[in-house]
Amino acid sequence: MPEIGEMQYGYSTEGVSEYLEAIKSEALTNAKDAVKDISLIKTACDNNWEGKAKDNFKVNLQKDADHVADQFDALYNILVSEINSLNAAMANKDEELIEES
């Protein structure tokens, strides 16, 4: 992550909030839904495979898909934390930039 002194542009808290909501809407909702939708794979398994191994595979695949989808939430929370940390550092720098006399 760049140091505050290396940054070239300002920062809009409102703009960042909107950006994070867009990421949450696009990445989390759409990607999570896509990852969790394993219906085509289940259908292919049902049409071409018999036995307990097939059933176990489908259960494990759903668990894995759910886990990957949950990771989107975890990664999003890390992103929000990092951006909030950056926002706090920039606000602190802004407060110290020009002292009131």
N, C-alpha and C. Protein backbone atom coordinates (compact mmCIF):
# COMPACT_ATOMS: atom_id res chain seq x y z
N MET A 1 0.85 -1.16 0.00
CA MET A 1 0.00 0.00 0.00
C MET A 1 0.90 1.23 0.00
N PRO A 2 0.57 2.25 -0.81
CA PRO A 2 1.41 3.44 -0.86
C PRO A 2 1.34 4.23 0.44
N GLU A 3 2.40 4.93 0.71
CA GLU A 3 2.42 5.83 1.86
C GLU A 3 1.58 7.06 1.51
N ILE A 4 1.09 7.75 2.53
CA ILE A 4 0.26 8.94 2.32
C ILE A 4 0.99 9.96 1.44
N GLY A 5 2.27 10.16 1.65
CA GLY A 5 3.03 11.14 0.88
C GLY A 5 3.18 10.78 -0.59
N GLU A 6 2.97 9.52 -0.93
CA GLU A 6 3.08 9.08 -2.31
C GLU A 6 1.79 9.25 -3.09
N MET A 7 0.72 9.58 -2.41
CA MET A 7 -0.58 9.69 -3.08
C MET A 7 -0.67 10.99 -3.86
N GLN A 8 -1.34 10.92 -4.99
CA GLN A 8 -1.42 12.07 -5.87
C GLN A 8 -2.81 12.68 -5.92
N TYR A 9 -3.82 11.97 -5.43
CA TYR A 9 -5.19 12.45 -5.56
C TYR A 9 -5.89 12.45 -4.22
N GLY A 10 -6.92 13.27 -4.12
CA GLY A 10 -7.75 13.33 -2.92
C GLY A 10 -8.66 12.12 -2.83
N TYR A 11 -9.61 12.23 -1.95
CA TYR A 11 -10.39 11.07 -1.57
C TYR A 11 -11.77 11.54 -1.14
N SER A 12 -12.80 10.95 -1.69
CA SER A 12 -14.17 11.29 -1.33
C SER A 12 -14.76 10.16 -0.50
N THR A 13 -15.07 10.44 0.74
CA THR A 13 -15.64 9.41 1.61
C THR A 13 -16.96 8.91 1.04
N GLU A 14 -17.79 9.83 0.56
CA GLU A 14 -19.06 9.43 -0.04
C GLU A 14 -18.83 8.59 -1.29
N GLY A 15 -17.88 9.00 -2.11
CA GLY A 15 -17.56 8.25 -3.33
C GLY A 15 -17.06 6.85 -3.01
N VAL A 16 -16.27 6.74 -1.97
CA VAL A 16 -15.75 5.43 -1.58
C VAL A 16 -16.88 4.55 -1.07
N SER A 17 -17.79 5.12 -0.32
CA SER A 17 -18.94 4.35 0.17
C SER A 17 -19.77 3.82 -1.00
N GLU A 18 -19.97 4.67 -1.99
CA GLU A 18 -20.73 4.24 -3.18
C GLU A 18 -19.97 3.15 -3.93
N TYR A 19 -18.66 3.31 -4.02
CA TYR A 19 -17.82 2.32 -4.70
C TYR A 19 -17.89 0.97 -3.98
N LEU A 20 -17.80 1.01 -2.65
CA LEU A 20 -17.87 -0.23 -1.88
C LEU A 20 -19.23 -0.90 -2.04
N GLU A 21 -20.29 -0.11 -2.08
CA GLU A 21 -21.62 -0.68 -2.29
C GLU A 21 -21.72 -1.32 -3.68
N ALA A 22 -21.10 -0.68 -4.68
CA ALA A 22 -21.11 -1.24 -6.03
C ALA A 22 -20.35 -2.57 -6.05
N ILE A 23 -19.22 -2.61 -5.38
CA ILE A 23 -18.44 -3.86 -5.30
C ILE A 23 -19.26 -4.92 -4.59
N LYS A 24 -19.90 -4.53 -3.49
CA LYS A 24 -20.69 -5.49 -2.72
C LYS A 24 -21.84 -6.03 -3.56
N SER A 25 -22.48 -5.14 -4.26
CA SER A 25 -23.62 -5.55 -5.09
C SER A 25 -23.16 -6.44 -6.23
N GLU A 26 -22.14 -6.01 -6.94
CA GLU A 26 -21.68 -6.74 -8.12
C GLU A 26 -20.93 -8.01 -7.74
N ALA A 27 -19.88 -7.86 -6.98
CA ALA A 27 -19.01 -9.00 -6.68
C ALA A 27 -19.66 -9.97 -5.72
N LEU A 28 -20.17 -9.44 -4.63
CA LEU A 28 -20.69 -10.36 -3.63
C LEU A 28 -21.97 -11.04 -4.08
N THR A 29 -22.93 -10.26 -4.48
CA THR A 29 -24.21 -10.85 -4.84
C THR A 29 -24.09 -11.73 -6.08
N ASN A 30 -23.60 -11.18 -7.16
CA ASN A 30 -23.53 -11.94 -8.41
C ASN A 30 -22.55 -13.10 -8.34
N ALA A 31 -21.37 -12.85 -7.83
CA ALA A 31 -20.35 -13.90 -7.79
C ALA A 31 -20.76 -15.00 -6.81
N LYS A 32 -21.27 -14.61 -5.66
CA LYS A 32 -21.69 -15.63 -4.69
C LYS A 32 -22.80 -16.50 -5.26
N ASP A 33 -23.77 -15.87 -5.90
CA ASP A 33 -24.86 -16.65 -6.50
C ASP A 33 -24.33 -17.60 -7.58
N ALA A 34 -23.40 -17.11 -8.38
CA ALA A 34 -22.84 -17.95 -9.46
C ALA A 34 -22.05 -19.12 -8.88
N VAL A 35 -21.28 -18.87 -7.85
CA VAL A 35 -20.48 -19.94 -7.24
C VAL A 35 -21.38 -20.98 -6.59
N LYS A 36 -22.44 -20.53 -5.96
CA LYS A 36 -23.31 -21.45 -5.25
C LYS A 36 -24.23 -22.26 -6.17
N ASP A 37 -24.40 -21.79 -7.40
CA ASP A 37 -25.29 -22.49 -8.33
C ASP A 37 -24.53 -23.62 -9.03
N ILE A 38 -24.66 -24.78 -8.46
CA ILE A 38 -23.99 -25.96 -9.03
C ILE A 38 -25.01 -26.91 -9.65
N SER A 39 -26.16 -26.37 -10.00
CA SER A 39 -27.26 -27.21 -10.51
C SER A 39 -26.88 -27.96 -11.78
N LEU A 40 -26.14 -27.32 -12.68
CA LEU A 40 -25.75 -28.01 -13.92
C LEU A 40 -24.82 -29.19 -13.63
N ILE A 41 -23.94 -29.01 -12.69
CA ILE A 41 -23.01 -30.09 -12.32
C ILE A 41 -23.79 -31.23 -11.66
N LYS A 42 -24.73 -30.86 -10.79
CA LYS A 42 -25.54 -31.90 -10.14
C LYS A 42 -26.36 -32.68 -11.18
N THR A 43 -26.91 -31.98 -12.15
CA THR A 43 -27.68 -32.64 -13.20
C THR A 43 -26.80 -33.59 -14.01
N ALA A 44 -25.61 -33.12 -14.36
CA ALA A 44 -24.67 -33.97 -15.10
C ALA A 44 -24.31 -35.21 -14.29
N CYS A 45 -24.10 -35.03 -13.00
CA CYS A 45 -23.79 -36.18 -12.14
C CYS A 45 -24.96 -37.15 -12.11
N ASP A 46 -26.16 -36.61 -11.93
CA ASP A 46 -27.34 -37.48 -11.85
C ASP A 46 -27.58 -38.24 -13.15
N ASN A 47 -27.26 -37.62 -14.27
CA ASN A 47 -27.48 -38.25 -15.57
C ASN A 47 -26.40 -39.25 -15.96
N ASN A 48 -25.23 -39.16 -15.34
CA ASN A 48 -24.11 -39.97 -15.81
C ASN A 48 -23.39 -40.77 -14.73
N TRP A 49 -23.91 -40.77 -13.54
CA TRP A 49 -23.18 -41.39 -12.45
C TRP A 49 -24.16 -42.03 -11.49
N GLU A 50 -23.80 -43.13 -10.95
CA GLU A 50 -24.64 -43.83 -9.97
C GLU A 50 -23.81 -44.14 -8.73
N GLY A 51 -24.48 -44.30 -7.63
CA GLY A 51 -23.81 -44.78 -6.43
C GLY A 51 -23.59 -43.73 -5.36
N LYS A 52 -23.06 -44.22 -4.26
CA LYS A 52 -22.80 -43.38 -3.08
C LYS A 52 -21.74 -42.32 -3.37
N ALA A 53 -20.76 -42.64 -4.18
CA ALA A 53 -19.70 -41.67 -4.51
C ALA A 53 -20.30 -40.43 -5.17
N LYS A 54 -21.29 -40.63 -6.03
CA LYS A 54 -21.96 -39.49 -6.67
C LYS A 54 -22.62 -38.61 -5.62
N ASP A 55 -23.34 -39.23 -4.70
CA ASP A 55 -24.03 -38.47 -3.65
C ASP A 55 -23.03 -37.72 -2.78
N ASN A 56 -21.96 -38.40 -2.42
CA ASN A 56 -20.92 -37.75 -1.60
C ASN A 56 -20.28 -36.58 -2.36
N PHE A 57 -20.02 -36.80 -3.64
CA PHE A 57 -19.42 -35.75 -4.46
C PHE A 57 -20.32 -34.51 -4.47
N LYS A 58 -21.61 -34.70 -4.67
CA LYS A 58 -22.53 -33.57 -4.75
C LYS A 58 -22.61 -32.83 -3.41
N VAL A 59 -22.63 -33.56 -2.33
CA VAL A 59 -22.66 -32.93 -1.00
C VAL A 59 -21.38 -32.14 -0.77
N ASN A 60 -20.24 -32.75 -1.07
CA ASN A 60 -18.96 -32.08 -0.88
C ASN A 60 -18.82 -30.86 -1.80
N LEU A 61 -19.30 -30.99 -3.02
CA LEU A 61 -19.24 -29.87 -3.95
C LEU A 61 -20.07 -28.70 -3.44
N GLN A 62 -21.25 -28.98 -2.91
CA GLN A 62 -22.09 -27.90 -2.37
C GLN A 62 -21.42 -27.24 -1.17
N LYS A 63 -20.81 -28.05 -0.30
CA LYS A 63 -20.09 -27.49 0.85
C LYS A 63 -18.94 -26.60 0.38
N ASP A 64 -18.20 -27.06 -0.61
CA ASP A 64 -17.09 -26.27 -1.14
C ASP A 64 -17.59 -24.98 -1.79
N ALA A 65 -18.67 -25.06 -2.54
CA ALA A 65 -19.24 -23.88 -3.18
C ALA A 65 -19.69 -22.87 -2.12
N ASP A 66 -20.33 -23.36 -1.07
CA ASP A 66 -20.76 -22.48 0.02
C ASP A 66 -19.56 -21.84 0.70
N HIS A 67 -18.51 -22.61 0.90
CA HIS A 67 -17.30 -22.08 1.53
C HIS A 67 -16.67 -20.98 0.68
N VAL A 68 -16.56 -21.23 -0.61
CA VAL A 68 -15.99 -20.21 -1.51
C VAL A 68 -16.86 -18.95 -1.50
N ALA A 69 -18.17 -19.13 -1.52
CA ALA A 69 -19.08 -17.98 -1.48
C ALA A 69 -18.89 -17.21 -0.17
N ASP A 70 -18.72 -17.90 0.93
CA ASP A 70 -18.49 -17.23 2.22
C ASP A 70 -17.18 -16.44 2.22
N GLN A 71 -16.21 -16.92 1.45
CA GLN A 71 -14.93 -16.21 1.38
C GLN A 71 -15.08 -14.84 0.73
N PHE A 72 -16.06 -14.69 -0.16
CA PHE A 72 -16.32 -13.37 -0.74
C PHE A 72 -16.65 -12.37 0.36
N ASP A 73 -17.47 -12.79 1.32
CA ASP A 73 -17.81 -11.91 2.44
C ASP A 73 -16.56 -11.56 3.25
N ALA A 74 -15.75 -12.55 3.54
CA ALA A 74 -14.54 -12.32 4.33
C ALA A 74 -13.60 -11.37 3.61
N LEU A 75 -13.41 -11.59 2.31
CA LEU A 75 -12.52 -10.72 1.54
C LEU A 75 -13.08 -9.30 1.42
N TYR A 76 -14.38 -9.19 1.27
CA TYR A 76 -15.01 -7.87 1.22
C TYR A 76 -14.79 -7.13 2.54
N ASN A 77 -14.94 -7.82 3.65
CA ASN A 77 -14.73 -7.20 4.96
C ASN A 77 -13.29 -6.74 5.13
N ILE A 78 -12.34 -7.50 4.61
CA ILE A 78 -10.94 -7.08 4.65
C ILE A 78 -10.75 -5.83 3.80
N LEU A 79 -11.34 -5.80 2.61
CA LEU A 79 -11.26 -4.62 1.75
C LEU A 79 -11.82 -3.39 2.45
N VAL A 80 -12.98 -3.53 3.07
CA VAL A 80 -13.59 -2.40 3.78
C VAL A 80 -12.68 -1.93 4.90
N SER A 81 -12.10 -2.86 5.63
CA SER A 81 -11.20 -2.51 6.73
C SER A 81 -9.98 -1.75 6.22
N GLU A 82 -9.40 -2.23 5.13
CA GLU A 82 -8.23 -1.55 4.56
C GLU A 82 -8.58 -0.15 4.07
N ILE A 83 -9.71 -0.01 3.42
CA ILE A 83 -10.12 1.30 2.91
C ILE A 83 -10.44 2.24 4.07
N ASN A 84 -11.08 1.73 5.11
CA ASN A 84 -11.35 2.57 6.28
C ASN A 84 -10.07 3.00 6.96
N SER A 85 -9.09 2.13 7.01
CA SER A 85 -7.78 2.47 7.57
C SER A 85 -7.11 3.57 6.75
N LEU A 86 -7.19 3.43 5.44
CA LEU A 86 -6.63 4.44 4.55
C LEU A 86 -7.36 5.77 4.73
N ASN A 87 -8.67 5.71 4.84
CA ASN A 87 -9.48 6.92 5.04
C ASN A 87 -9.07 7.62 6.35
N ALA A 88 -8.89 6.86 7.40
CA ALA A 88 -8.48 7.44 8.68
C ALA A 88 -7.10 8.08 8.58
N ALA A 89 -6.18 7.42 7.89
CA ALA A 89 -4.84 7.98 7.71
C ALA A 89 -4.88 9.27 6.90
N MET A 90 -5.71 9.29 5.86
CA MET A 90 -5.81 10.50 5.05
C MET A 90 -6.48 11.63 5.83
N ALA A 91 -7.49 11.31 6.62
CA ALA A 91 -8.15 12.33 7.44
C ALA A 91 -7.17 12.89 8.47
N ASN A 92 -6.37 12.02 9.05
CA ASN A 92 -5.36 12.46 10.01
C ASN A 92 -4.34 13.38 9.34
N LYS A 93 -3.89 13.00 8.16
CA LYS A 93 -2.93 13.82 7.41
C LYS A 93 -3.55 15.17 7.06
N ASP A 94 -4.82 15.15 6.68
CA ASP A 94 -5.52 16.39 6.34
C ASP A 94 -5.59 17.31 7.55
N GLU A 95 -5.85 16.77 8.73
CA GLU A 95 -5.94 17.58 9.93
C GLU A 95 -4.60 18.21 10.28
N GLU A 96 -3.51 17.52 9.97
CA GLU A 96 -2.17 18.01 10.29
C GLU A 96 -1.55 18.86 9.20
N LEU A 97 -2.19 18.89 8.03
CA LEU A 97 -1.60 19.56 6.87
C LEU A 97 -1.41 21.05 7.11
N ILE A 98 -2.44 21.70 7.53
CA ILE A 98 -2.36 23.14 7.80
C ILE A 98 -2.93 23.36 9.20
N GLU A 99 -2.07 23.83 10.07
CA GLU A 99 -2.50 24.04 11.45
C GLU A 99 -3.18 25.40 11.57
N GLU A 100 -4.17 25.44 12.43
CA GLU A 100 -4.87 26.69 12.69
C GLU A 100 -3.96 27.58 13.51
N SER A 101 -3.93 28.86 13.12
CA SER A 101 -3.04 29.77 13.88
C SER A 101 -3.81 30.74 14.72
